[in-house]
Amino acid sequence: MSKPPPRRFAVIDGTPAPETPVEGTLKRLRKQPRPPSLVRCPHCTSAAVLEIKIGVELRNGKPRGGQKQLICAPCFARGETRILY
């Protein structure tokens, strides 16, 4: 039987990529204690919120009914819809 060819490349454990300033800021914001009444986006930690209504009907020319939702404004500007609590 013949020997298998020698390995030329091997996978090694490298060092993690350096942290960018934005990632460092987001980590710091996530660790900060928040007041219980402040709504923040769990994805981007922003406190900017849009209130939208779904299923609104027009009765006598006025909007009636519908379900209110709070969504994150910066995520919405990027095209993502993140529904907040």
C-alpha atoms as a PDB file:
ATOM      1  CA  MET A   1       0.000   0.000   0.000  1.00  0.00           C
ATOM      2  CA  SER A   2       1.134   3.497  -0.685  1.00  0.00           C
ATOM      3  CA  LYS A   3       1.332   6.287   1.858  1.00  0.00           C
ATOM      4  CA  PRO A   4      -1.167   9.157   1.705  1.00  0.00           C
ATOM      5  CA  PRO A   5       0.374  12.413   0.466  1.00  0.00           C
ATOM      6  CA  PRO A   6       1.635  14.774   3.178  1.00  0.00           C
ATOM      7  CA  ARG A   7      -0.664  17.560   4.284  1.00  0.00           C
ATOM      8  CA  ARG A   8       0.315  20.957   2.991  1.00  0.00           C
ATOM      9  CA  PHE A   9      -2.145  23.129   4.892  1.00  0.00           C
ATOM     10  CA  ALA A  10      -3.480  22.879   8.412  1.00  0.00           C
ATOM     11  CA  VAL A  11      -6.262  24.846  10.116  1.00  0.00           C
ATOM     12  CA  ILE A  12      -5.107  26.689  13.211  1.00  0.00           C
ATOM     13  CA  ASP A  13      -7.041  28.639  15.821  1.00  0.00           C
ATOM     14  CA  GLY A  14      -6.470  32.287  14.996  1.00  0.00           C
ATOM     15  CA  THR A  15      -7.065  35.353  17.067  1.00  0.00           C
ATOM     16  CA  PRO A  16     -10.510  36.948  16.930  1.00  0.00           C
ATOM     17  CA  ALA A  17     -10.998  39.956  14.684  1.00  0.00           C
ATOM     18  CA  PRO A  18     -10.393  43.304  16.390  1.00  0.00           C
ATOM     19  CA  GLU A  19     -13.491  45.007  17.728  1.00  0.00           C
ATOM     20  CA  THR A  20     -14.708  47.988  15.717  1.00  0.00           C
ATOM     21  CA  PRO A  21     -15.673  51.217  17.522  1.00  0.00           C
ATOM     22  CA  VAL A  22     -19.342  50.672  16.641  1.00  0.00           C
ATOM     23  CA  GLU A  23     -19.355  47.155  18.114  1.00  0.00           C
ATOM     24  CA  GLY A  24     -17.691  48.457  21.271  1.00  0.00           C
ATOM     25  CA  THR A  25     -20.305  51.190  21.647  1.00  0.00           C
ATOM     26  CA  LEU A  26     -23.171  48.735  21.110  1.00  0.00           C
ATOM     27  CA  LYS A  27     -21.711  46.340  23.701  1.00  0.00           C
ATOM     28  CA  ARG A  28     -21.379  49.179  26.204  1.00  0.00           C
ATOM     29  CA  LEU A  29     -24.977  50.335  25.581  1.00  0.00           C
ATOM     30  CA  ARG A  30     -26.338  46.805  25.971  1.00  0.00           C
ATOM     31  CA  LYS A  31     -24.590  46.414  29.340  1.00  0.00           C
ATOM     32  CA  GLN A  32     -25.924  49.692  30.759  1.00  0.00           C
ATOM     33  CA  PRO A  33     -28.892  49.409  33.119  1.00  0.00           C
ATOM     34  CA  ARG A  34     -32.053  50.789  31.562  1.00  0.00           C
ATOM     35  CA  PRO A  35     -35.042  52.378  33.230  1.00  0.00           C
ATOM     36  CA  PRO A  36     -37.998  49.982  33.050  1.00  0.00           C
ATOM     37  CA  SER A  37     -40.176  52.444  31.125  1.00  0.00           C
ATOM     38  CA  LEU A  38     -37.695  53.094  28.284  1.00  0.00           C
ATOM     39  CA  VAL A  39     -38.361  51.081  25.124  1.00  0.00           C
ATOM     40  CA  ARG A  40     -35.241  50.128  23.164  1.00  0.00           C
ATOM     41  CA  CYS A  41     -34.697  47.985  20.111  1.00  0.00           C
ATOM     42  CA  PRO A  42     -33.013  44.693  21.057  1.00  0.00           C
ATOM     43  CA  HIS A  43     -31.208  44.651  17.691  1.00  0.00           C
ATOM     44  CA  CYS A  44     -29.680  48.144  17.409  1.00  0.00           C
ATOM     45  CA  THR A  45     -30.324  49.491  20.984  1.00  0.00           C
ATOM     46  CA  SER A  46     -31.967  52.631  19.614  1.00  0.00           C
ATOM     47  CA  ALA A  47     -34.719  54.379  21.573  1.00  0.00           C
ATOM     48  CA  ALA A  48     -36.312  55.944  18.454  1.00  0.00           C
ATOM     49  CA  VAL A  49     -39.772  54.437  17.941  1.00  0.00           C
ATOM     50  CA  LEU A  50     -42.504  54.754  15.314  1.00  0.00           C
ATOM     51  CA  GLU A  51     -46.124  53.967  16.153  1.00  0.00           C
ATOM     52  CA  ILE A  52     -48.016  52.434  13.246  1.00  0.00           C
ATOM     53  CA  LYS A  53     -51.613  51.280  12.915  1.00  0.00           C
ATOM     54  CA  ILE A  54     -52.609  48.138  11.031  1.00  0.00           C
ATOM     55  CA  GLY A  55     -56.113  47.515   9.693  1.00  0.00           C
ATOM     56  CA  VAL A  56     -57.569  51.031   9.967  1.00  0.00           C
ATOM     57  CA  GLU A  57     -61.055  51.568   8.503  1.00  0.00           C
ATOM     58  CA  LEU A  58     -62.507  54.841   7.295  1.00  0.00           C
ATOM     59  CA  ARG A  59     -65.972  55.572   8.725  1.00  0.00           C
ATOM     60  CA  ASN A  60     -67.619  58.863   7.807  1.00  0.00           C
ATOM     61  CA  GLY A  61     -64.260  60.110   6.506  1.00  0.00           C
ATOM     62  CA  LYS A  62     -62.419  59.446   9.790  1.00  0.00           C
ATOM     63  CA  PRO A  63     -59.965  56.650  10.586  1.00  0.00           C
ATOM     64  CA  ARG A  64     -61.367  54.139  13.086  1.00  0.00           C
ATOM     65  CA  GLY A  65     -60.035  51.017  14.746  1.00  0.00           C
ATOM     66  CA  GLY A  66     -56.887  49.176  13.848  1.00  0.00           C
ATOM     67  CA  GLN A  67     -54.098  47.651  15.878  1.00  0.00           C
ATOM     68  CA  LYS A  68     -51.215  49.803  17.112  1.00  0.00           C
ATOM     69  CA  GLN A  69     -47.642  48.531  16.839  1.00  0.00           C
ATOM     70  CA  LEU A  70     -44.371  50.096  17.965  1.00  0.00           C
ATOM     71  CA  ILE A  71     -41.483  49.604  15.526  1.00  0.00           C
ATOM     72  CA  CYS A  72     -37.829  50.673  15.650  1.00  0.00           C
ATOM     73  CA  ALA A  73     -37.262  53.791  13.505  1.00  0.00           C
ATOM     74  CA  PRO A  74     -33.583  53.206  12.482  1.00  0.00           C
ATOM     75  CA  CYS A  75     -34.259  49.555  11.635  1.00  0.00           C
ATOM     76  CA  PHE A  76     -37.311  50.625   9.610  1.00  0.00           C
ATOM     77  CA  ALA A  77     -35.147  53.155   7.723  1.00  0.00           C
ATOM     78  CA  ARG A  78     -32.829  50.263   6.779  1.00  0.00           C
ATOM     79  CA  GLY A  79     -35.793  48.248   5.493  1.00  0.00           C
ATOM     80  CA  GLU A  80     -36.197  45.947   8.520  1.00  0.00           C
ATOM     81  CA  THR A  81     -39.424  45.809  10.514  1.00  0.00           C
ATOM     82  CA  ARG A  82     -38.618  45.155  14.172  1.00  0.00           C
ATOM     83  CA  ILE A  83     -41.763  45.116  16.304  1.00  0.00           C
ATOM     84  CA  LEU A  84     -41.097  46.343  19.835  1.00  0.00           C
ATOM     85  CA  TYR A  85     -43.039  45.522  22.976  1.00  0.00           C
END
